[in-house]
C-alpha atoms as a PDB file:
ATOM      1  CA  MET A   1      11.194  16.667  20.783  1.00  0.00           C
ATOM      2  CA  ILE A   2       9.669  13.144  20.132  1.00  0.00           C
ATOM      3  CA  SER A   3       7.252  12.964  16.927  1.00  0.00           C
ATOM      4  CA  TYR A   4       5.436  10.142  15.729  1.00  0.00           C
ATOM      5  CA  HIS A   5       4.328   9.172  12.331  1.00  0.00           C
ATOM      6  CA  PRO A   6       2.398   5.965  11.368  1.00  0.00           C
ATOM      7  CA  ILE A   7       4.694   5.510   8.356  1.00  0.00           C
ATOM      8  CA  TYR A   8       7.559   4.774  10.607  1.00  0.00           C
ATOM      9  CA  ASP A   9       5.558   2.385  13.082  1.00  0.00           C
ATOM     10  CA  VAL A  10       6.008  -1.338  12.454  1.00  0.00           C
ATOM     11  CA  ASN A  11       2.773  -2.344  14.283  1.00  0.00           C
ATOM     12  CA  HIS A  12       0.657   0.192  12.390  1.00  0.00           C
ATOM     13  CA  CYS A  13       2.301  -0.976   9.197  1.00  0.00           C
ATOM     14  CA  ALA A  14       1.387  -4.595   9.968  1.00  0.00           C
ATOM     15  CA  TYR A  15      -2.223  -3.499  10.613  1.00  0.00           C
ATOM     16  CA  ARG A  16      -2.258  -1.710   7.360  1.00  0.00           C
ATOM     17  CA  LEU A  17      -0.866  -4.552   5.449  1.00  0.00           C
ATOM     18  CA  ILE A  18      -3.225  -7.347   6.904  1.00  0.00           C
ATOM     19  CA  GLY A  19      -6.038  -4.688   6.759  1.00  0.00           C
ATOM     20  CA  THR A  20      -5.536  -4.205   2.966  1.00  0.00           C
ATOM     21  CA  LEU A  21      -5.501  -7.878   2.267  1.00  0.00           C
ATOM     22  CA  VAL A  22      -8.535  -8.339   4.435  1.00  0.00           C
ATOM     23  CA  ASN A  23     -10.724  -5.730   2.842  1.00  0.00           C
ATOM     24  CA  SER A  24      -9.552  -5.501  -0.815  1.00  0.00           C
ATOM     25  CA  ASN A  25     -10.956  -7.610  -3.519  1.00  0.00           C
ATOM     26  CA  VAL A  26      -7.562  -8.588  -4.692  1.00  0.00           C
ATOM     27  CA  GLU A  27      -6.290 -12.096  -3.519  1.00  0.00           C
ATOM     28  CA  SER A  28      -2.757 -11.293  -3.552  1.00  0.00           C
ATOM     29  CA  TYR A  29      -0.269  -8.635  -4.156  1.00  0.00           C
ATOM     30  CA  GLU A  30       3.343  -8.712  -5.188  1.00  0.00           C
ATOM     31  CA  TRP A  31       5.479  -7.571  -2.309  1.00  0.00           C
ATOM     32  CA  GLN A  32       6.729  -4.278  -3.968  1.00  0.00           C
ATOM     33  CA  GLN A  33       3.134  -3.365  -5.178  1.00  0.00           C
ATOM     34  CA  LEU A  34       1.833  -3.806  -1.662  1.00  0.00           C
ATOM     35  CA  ARG A  35       4.587  -1.588  -0.128  1.00  0.00           C
ATOM     36  CA  LEU A  36       3.455   1.110  -2.824  1.00  0.00           C
ATOM     37  CA  LEU A  37      -0.246   0.876  -1.737  1.00  0.00           C
ATOM     38  CA  ASP A  38       0.693   1.073   1.797  1.00  0.00           C
ATOM     39  CA  PHE A  39       2.528   4.323   1.389  1.00  0.00           C
ATOM     40  CA  TYR A  40      -0.678   5.825  -0.377  1.00  0.00           C
ATOM     41  CA  LEU A  41      -2.546   4.450   2.585  1.00  0.00           C
ATOM     42  CA  VAL A  42      -0.686   6.697   4.971  1.00  0.00           C
ATOM     43  CA  PHE A  43      -0.340   9.620   2.383  1.00  0.00           C
ATOM     44  CA  PRO A  44      -3.412   9.371   0.142  1.00  0.00           C
ATOM     45  CA  HIS A  45      -3.184  12.957  -0.686  1.00  0.00           C
ATOM     46  CA  LEU A  46      -0.322  12.202  -2.905  1.00  0.00           C
ATOM     47  CA  LEU A  47      -2.449   9.929  -5.261  1.00  0.00           C
ATOM     48  CA  LYS A  48      -2.887  13.150  -7.289  1.00  0.00           C
ATOM     49  CA  THR A  49       0.931  13.372  -7.950  1.00  0.00           C
ATOM     50  CA  ILE A  50       0.441   9.980  -9.752  1.00  0.00           C
ATOM     51  CA  SER A  51       1.352  11.174 -13.524  1.00  0.00           C
ATOM     52  CA  PRO A  52      -0.045  10.579 -15.993  1.00  0.00           C
ATOM     53  CA  TRP A  53      -3.205   9.269 -14.145  1.00  0.00           C
ATOM     54  CA  PRO A  54      -3.782   5.550 -15.520  1.00  0.00           C
ATOM     55  CA  ARG A  55      -6.336   5.491 -18.231  1.00  0.00           C
ATOM     56  CA  GLU A  56      -7.625   2.014 -17.091  1.00  0.00           C
ATOM     57  CA  ILE A  57      -8.885   3.902 -13.808  1.00  0.00           C
ATOM     58  CA  SER A  58      -9.590   7.303 -15.310  1.00  0.00           C
ATOM     59  CA  GLN A  59     -12.924   7.678 -13.679  1.00  0.00           C
ATOM     60  CA  HIS A  60     -11.245   7.737 -10.062  1.00  0.00           C
ATOM     61  CA  ARG A  61      -9.007  10.737 -10.995  1.00  0.00           C
ATOM     62  CA  ARG A  62     -11.609  13.120  -9.491  1.00  0.00           C
ATOM     63  CA  LEU A  63     -11.282  11.605  -6.249  1.00  0.00           C
ATOM     64  CA  ALA A  64      -7.680  11.479  -6.139  1.00  0.00           C
ATOM     65  CA  HIS A  65      -7.861  15.392  -6.713  1.00  0.00           C
ATOM     66  CA  THR A  66     -10.337  15.962  -3.978  1.00  0.00           C
ATOM     67  CA  ILE A  67      -8.358  14.477  -1.022  1.00  0.00           C
ATOM     68  CA  PRO A  68      -7.315  17.328   0.984  1.00  0.00           C
ATOM     69  CA  SER A  69      -3.673  17.790   1.732  1.00  0.00           C
ATOM     70  CA  PRO A  70      -2.960  17.408   5.478  1.00  0.00           C
ATOM     71  CA  TYR A  71      -1.278  20.059   7.629  1.00  0.00           C
ATOM     72  CA  GLU A  72       2.231  18.218   7.228  1.00  0.00           C
ATOM     73  CA  ILE A  73       4.211  18.933   4.318  1.00  0.00           C
ATOM     74  CA  VAL A  74       5.659  15.927   2.633  1.00  0.00           C
ATOM     75  CA  GLN A  75       9.114  17.303   1.233  1.00  0.00           C
ATOM     76  CA  ASN A  76      10.506  14.266  -0.396  1.00  0.00           C
ATOM     77  CA  PRO A  77       8.046  11.412  -0.933  1.00  0.00           C
ATOM     78  CA  ARG A  78      10.423   9.218  -2.653  1.00  0.00           C
ATOM     79  CA  ARG A  79      12.993   9.395   0.213  1.00  0.00           C
ATOM     80  CA  ILE A  80      10.008   8.706   2.716  1.00  0.00           C
ATOM     81  CA  ALA A  81       9.156   5.825   0.524  1.00  0.00           C
ATOM     82  CA  PHE A  82      12.659   4.467   0.491  1.00  0.00           C
ATOM     83  CA  ASP A  83      12.974   4.733   4.272  1.00  0.00           C
ATOM     84  CA  ALA A  84       9.483   3.248   4.977  1.00  0.00           C
ATOM     85  CA  LEU A  85      11.025   0.044   3.317  1.00  0.00           C
ATOM     86  CA  THR A  86      12.875  -1.014   6.356  1.00  0.00           C
ATOM     87  CA  ILE A  87       9.818  -0.582   8.542  1.00  0.00           C
ATOM     88  CA  GLN A  88       7.643  -2.609   5.920  1.00  0.00           C
ATOM     89  CA  ASN A  89      10.106  -5.478   5.655  1.00  0.00           C
ATOM     90  CA  GLN A  90      10.013  -5.715   9.539  1.00  0.00           C
ATOM     91  CA  ALA A  91       6.126  -5.630   9.566  1.00  0.00           C
ATOM     92  CA  ALA A  92       6.092  -8.396   6.859  1.00  0.00           C
ATOM     93  CA  ARG A  93       8.419 -10.603   8.973  1.00  0.00           C
ATOM     94  CA  VAL A  94       6.125 -10.033  12.114  1.00  0.00           C
ATOM     95  CA  VAL A  95       2.987 -10.878  10.000  1.00  0.00           C
ATOM     96  CA  LEU A  96       4.775 -13.962   8.304  1.00  0.00           C
ATOM     97  CA  ALA A  97       6.158 -15.301  11.718  1.00  0.00           C
ATOM     98  CA  LYS A  98       2.322 -15.160  12.861  1.00  0.00           C
ATOM     99  CA  GLY A  99       1.157 -17.107   9.859  1.00  0.00           C
ATOM    100  CA  ILE A 100      -1.051 -14.159   8.884  1.00  0.00           C
ATOM    101  CA  PHE A 101       0.396 -14.028   5.355  1.00  0.00           C
ATOM    102  CA  ASP A 102       1.089 -17.300   3.525  1.00  0.00           C
ATOM    103  CA  VAL A 103       4.899 -17.990   3.918  1.00  0.00           C
ATOM    104  CA  ASP A 104       5.456 -20.206   1.063  1.00  0.00           C
ATOM    105  CA  ALA A 105       3.956 -17.672  -1.410  1.00  0.00           C
ATOM    106  CA  PHE A 106       5.978 -14.962   0.046  1.00  0.00           C
ATOM    107  CA  LEU A 107       9.103 -16.888  -0.008  1.00  0.00           C
ATOM    108  CA  ASP A 108       8.756 -18.346  -3.406  1.00  0.00           C
ATOM    109  CA  SER A 109       7.183 -15.483  -5.576  1.00  0.00           C
ATOM    110  CA  LYS A 110       7.509 -12.488  -3.184  1.00  0.00           C
ATOM    111  CA  THR A 111       3.656 -12.362  -3.094  1.00  0.00           C
ATOM    112  CA  ALA A 112       1.559 -11.477  -0.020  1.00  0.00           C
ATOM    113  CA  THR A 113      -1.356 -13.783   0.277  1.00  0.00           C
ATOM    114  CA  LEU A 114      -3.428 -14.185   3.443  1.00  0.00           C
ATOM    115  CA  GLY A 115      -2.860 -17.285   5.514  1.00  0.00           C
ATOM    116  CA  SER A 116      -4.954 -17.932   8.529  1.00  0.00           C
ATOM    117  CA  VAL A 117      -6.350 -14.475   9.957  1.00  0.00           C
ATOM    118  CA  PRO A 118      -8.003 -14.957  13.639  1.00  0.00           C
ATOM    119  CA  THR A 119     -11.851 -14.300  13.477  1.00  0.00           C
ATOM    120  CA  GLU A 120     -11.537 -11.505  15.842  1.00  0.00           C
ATOM    121  CA  ILE A 121      -9.009  -9.699  13.984  1.00  0.00           C
ATOM    122  CA  ARG A 122     -10.666 -10.161  10.502  1.00  0.00           C
ATOM    123  CA  ASP A 123     -14.056  -8.768  12.105  1.00  0.00           C
ATOM    124  CA  HIS A 124     -12.222  -5.709  13.424  1.00  0.00           C
ATOM    125  CA  LEU A 125     -10.429  -5.096  10.194  1.00  0.00           C
ATOM    126  CA  LEU A 126     -13.736  -5.460   8.113  1.00  0.00           C
ATOM    127  CA  ALA A 127     -15.282  -2.704  10.423  1.00  0.00           C
ATOM    128  CA  GLU A 128     -12.141  -0.304  10.369  1.00  0.00           C
ATOM    129  CA  PRO A 129     -13.042   3.084   8.681  1.00  0.00           C
ATOM    130  CA  LEU A 130      -9.520   3.312   7.220  1.00  0.00           C
ATOM    131  CA  PHE A 131     -10.454   0.194   5.007  1.00  0.00           C
ATOM    132  CA  ASN A 132     -13.917   1.103   4.147  1.00  0.00           C
ATOM    133  CA  ASN A 133     -14.160   4.381   2.101  1.00  0.00           C
ATOM    134  CA  GLU A 134     -13.869   5.334  -1.465  1.00  0.00           C
ATOM    135  CA  THR A 135     -10.061   6.135  -1.224  1.00  0.00           C
ATOM    136  CA  PHE A 136      -9.086   2.791   0.273  1.00  0.00           C
ATOM    137  CA  ASP A 137     -11.124   1.331  -2.789  1.00  0.00           C
ATOM    138  CA  VAL A 138      -8.985   3.248  -5.269  1.00  0.00           C
ATOM    139  CA  ILE A 139      -5.824   2.512  -3.575  1.00  0.00           C
ATOM    140  CA  ALA A 140      -6.163  -1.328  -2.690  1.00  0.00           C
ATOM    141  CA  ASN A 141      -8.700  -2.391  -5.685  1.00  0.00           C
ATOM    142  CA  GLN A 142      -8.256   0.128  -8.626  1.00  0.00           C
ATOM    143  CA  LEU A 143      -4.548   0.954  -8.586  1.00  0.00           C
ATOM    144  CA  PRO A 144      -3.668  -2.999  -8.907  1.00  0.00           C
ATOM    145  CA  LYS A 145      -5.463  -2.834 -12.192  1.00  0.00           C
ATOM    146  CA  VAL A 146      -2.676  -0.809 -13.549  1.00  0.00           C
ATOM    147  CA  ARG A 147       0.470  -2.491 -15.194  1.00  0.00           C
ATOM    148  CA  PHE A 148       2.950  -2.069 -12.135  1.00  0.00           C
ATOM    149  CA  ARG A 149       6.584  -2.843 -13.663  1.00  0.00           C
ATOM    150  CA  GLY A 150       8.213  -0.962 -16.600  1.00  0.00           C
ATOM    151  CA  ARG A 151       7.662   1.917 -18.737  1.00  0.00           C
ATOM    152  CA  SER A 152       4.437   3.736 -17.966  1.00  0.00           C
ATOM    153  CA  GLY A 153       3.989   1.324 -15.068  1.00  0.00           C
ATOM    154  CA  LEU A 154       2.723   2.306 -11.830  1.00  0.00           C
ATOM    155  CA  ARG A 155       6.467   2.398 -10.271  1.00  0.00           C
ATOM    156  CA  GLU A 156       7.316   4.992 -12.757  1.00  0.00           C
ATOM    157  CA  ARG A 157       4.008   7.104 -12.666  1.00  0.00           C
ATOM    158  CA  SER A 158       4.266   7.218  -9.011  1.00  0.00           C
ATOM    159  CA  GLY A 159       7.764   8.601  -8.901  1.00  0.00           C
ATOM    160  CA  LEU A 160       8.258   6.571  -5.676  1.00  0.00           C
ATOM    161  CA  MET A 161      10.441   3.556  -6.766  1.00  0.00           C
ATOM    162  CA  GLU A 162      12.842   2.785  -9.382  1.00  0.00           C
ATOM    163  CA  PHE A 163      11.612   1.436 -12.553  1.00  0.00           C
ATOM    164  CA  ARG A 164      14.456   1.537 -14.939  1.00  0.00           C
ATOM    165  CA  TYR A 165      15.680  -2.142 -14.262  1.00  0.00           C
ATOM    166  CA  ASP A 166      12.295  -3.761 -14.574  1.00  0.00           C
ATOM    167  CA  GLN A 167      11.696  -6.560 -16.889  1.00  0.00           C
END
């Protein structure tokens, strides 16, 4: 049986990465942070598992708890986030090769910053429903306001990434 899921699709991942940068209010993301946000774009219902919910964005907690769970059951989100790393890295290489991400910024400081996005693609992404809703706003614009690394950072709160060796 062949099954498809967007978390394992390189092209869909590239689409989400570009769409996140085009539609967010944030100029650039640390690569690890963008990976986490991409995971939550695919599995927005898992926002309610962030614990404790960050005080900086407490007004959005209610929205996170109203997102319905899909039919699929996510048995091990941490494992899926780890497996998605390969796909996300491949998607980043594609986007970097096309010049859509700024190559120098990515290589120097591992930050994802928009390079040149063709107007057609930018217009399409600006109209895309995936990137024009309240859930996307919480994921792409509000979660980056929360400290990402270290104790009580978003990496620890999400339970999806290792944080013990953060500096």
